[in-house]
Amino acid sequence: FILAIAGNIMRMPGLPKEPQAQHIDIVKGKIVGLN
């Protein structure tokens, strides 16, 4: 797929600008950031 982004276009209404998956991590074998 090719997606052209021209300017500040909201690509998916209702979703945050920063995905929550960026806050999930594994620390000492435990998953943190899911709450």
N, C-alpha and C. Protein backbone atom coordinates (compact mmCIF):
# COMPACT_ATOMS: atom_id res chain seq x y z
N PHE A 1 0.83 -1.17 0.00
CA PHE A 1 0.00 0.00 0.00
C PHE A 1 0.88 1.24 0.00
N ILE A 2 0.38 2.27 -0.64
CA ILE A 2 1.06 3.57 -0.63
C ILE A 2 0.12 4.57 0.02
N LEU A 3 0.62 5.30 1.02
CA LEU A 3 -0.17 6.29 1.73
C LEU A 3 0.55 7.62 1.66
N ALA A 4 -0.04 8.58 1.00
CA ALA A 4 0.54 9.93 0.91
C ALA A 4 -0.08 10.80 1.98
N ILE A 5 0.75 11.40 2.81
CA ILE A 5 0.27 12.28 3.87
C ILE A 5 0.68 13.70 3.50
N ALA A 6 -0.31 14.57 3.31
CA ALA A 6 -0.04 15.96 2.94
C ALA A 6 -0.53 16.87 4.05
N GLY A 7 0.36 17.28 4.91
CA GLY A 7 -0.02 18.19 5.99
C GLY A 7 -0.54 17.47 7.22
N ASN A 8 -1.29 18.18 8.02
CA ASN A 8 -1.82 17.65 9.27
C ASN A 8 -3.19 17.02 9.04
N ILE A 9 -3.22 15.85 8.47
CA ILE A 9 -4.46 15.13 8.21
C ILE A 9 -4.62 14.06 9.28
N MET A 10 -5.80 14.03 9.93
CA MET A 10 -6.05 12.99 10.91
C MET A 10 -6.33 11.69 10.15
N ARG A 11 -5.47 10.71 10.33
CA ARG A 11 -5.59 9.47 9.56
C ARG A 11 -6.66 8.54 10.08
N MET A 12 -6.90 8.51 11.37
CA MET A 12 -7.90 7.62 11.94
C MET A 12 -8.59 8.35 13.09
N PRO A 13 -9.82 8.78 12.90
CA PRO A 13 -10.52 9.54 13.95
C PRO A 13 -10.61 8.76 15.26
N GLY A 14 -10.36 9.44 16.35
CA GLY A 14 -10.49 8.83 17.67
C GLY A 14 -9.21 8.22 18.22
N LEU A 15 -8.19 8.04 17.40
CA LEU A 15 -6.95 7.46 17.89
C LEU A 15 -5.99 8.56 18.35
N PRO A 16 -5.19 8.29 19.39
CA PRO A 16 -4.23 9.30 19.84
C PRO A 16 -3.09 9.46 18.85
N LYS A 17 -2.37 10.59 18.95
CA LYS A 17 -1.24 10.82 18.06
C LYS A 17 -0.10 9.86 18.35
N GLU A 18 0.04 9.45 19.61
CA GLU A 18 1.11 8.53 20.01
C GLU A 18 0.49 7.19 20.41
N PRO A 19 0.85 6.10 19.75
CA PRO A 19 0.27 4.79 20.08
C PRO A 19 0.63 4.35 21.50
N GLN A 20 -0.30 3.74 22.19
CA GLN A 20 -0.06 3.26 23.54
C GLN A 20 0.96 2.12 23.57
N ALA A 21 1.17 1.47 22.44
CA ALA A 21 2.15 0.38 22.37
C ALA A 21 3.56 0.88 22.65
N GLN A 22 3.81 2.17 22.49
CA GLN A 22 5.13 2.73 22.78
C GLN A 22 5.42 2.74 24.27
N HIS A 23 4.40 2.59 25.11
CA HIS A 23 4.58 2.63 26.56
C HIS A 23 4.69 1.24 27.17
N ILE A 24 4.57 0.19 26.37
CA ILE A 24 4.65 -1.18 26.88
C ILE A 24 6.11 -1.64 26.84
N ASP A 25 6.56 -2.26 27.92
CA ASP A 25 7.96 -2.71 28.01
C ASP A 25 8.02 -3.95 28.90
N ILE A 26 9.16 -4.61 28.88
CA ILE A 26 9.41 -5.75 29.75
C ILE A 26 10.55 -5.38 30.68
N VAL A 27 10.26 -5.41 32.00
CA VAL A 27 11.26 -5.08 33.00
C VAL A 27 11.40 -6.28 33.92
N LYS A 28 12.59 -6.84 33.98
CA LYS A 28 12.88 -8.01 34.82
C LYS A 28 11.89 -9.14 34.59
N GLY A 29 11.54 -9.37 33.33
CA GLY A 29 10.66 -10.47 32.96
C GLY A 29 9.18 -10.19 33.15
N LYS A 30 8.82 -8.97 33.56
CA LYS A 30 7.42 -8.61 33.75
C LYS A 30 7.03 -7.54 32.74
N ILE A 31 5.81 -7.66 32.22
CA ILE A 31 5.31 -6.68 31.26
C ILE A 31 4.75 -5.49 32.03
N VAL A 32 5.21 -4.28 31.68
CA VAL A 32 4.72 -3.06 32.32
C VAL A 32 4.13 -2.14 31.27
N GLY A 33 3.23 -1.27 31.69
CA GLY A 33 2.64 -0.29 30.79
C GLY A 33 1.32 -0.70 30.18
N LEU A 34 0.69 -1.75 30.70
CA LEU A 34 -0.59 -2.19 30.15
C LEU A 34 -1.78 -1.62 30.89
N ASN A 35 -1.55 -0.92 31.99
CA ASN A 35 -2.69 -0.42 32.77
C ASN A 35 -3.08 0.97 32.40
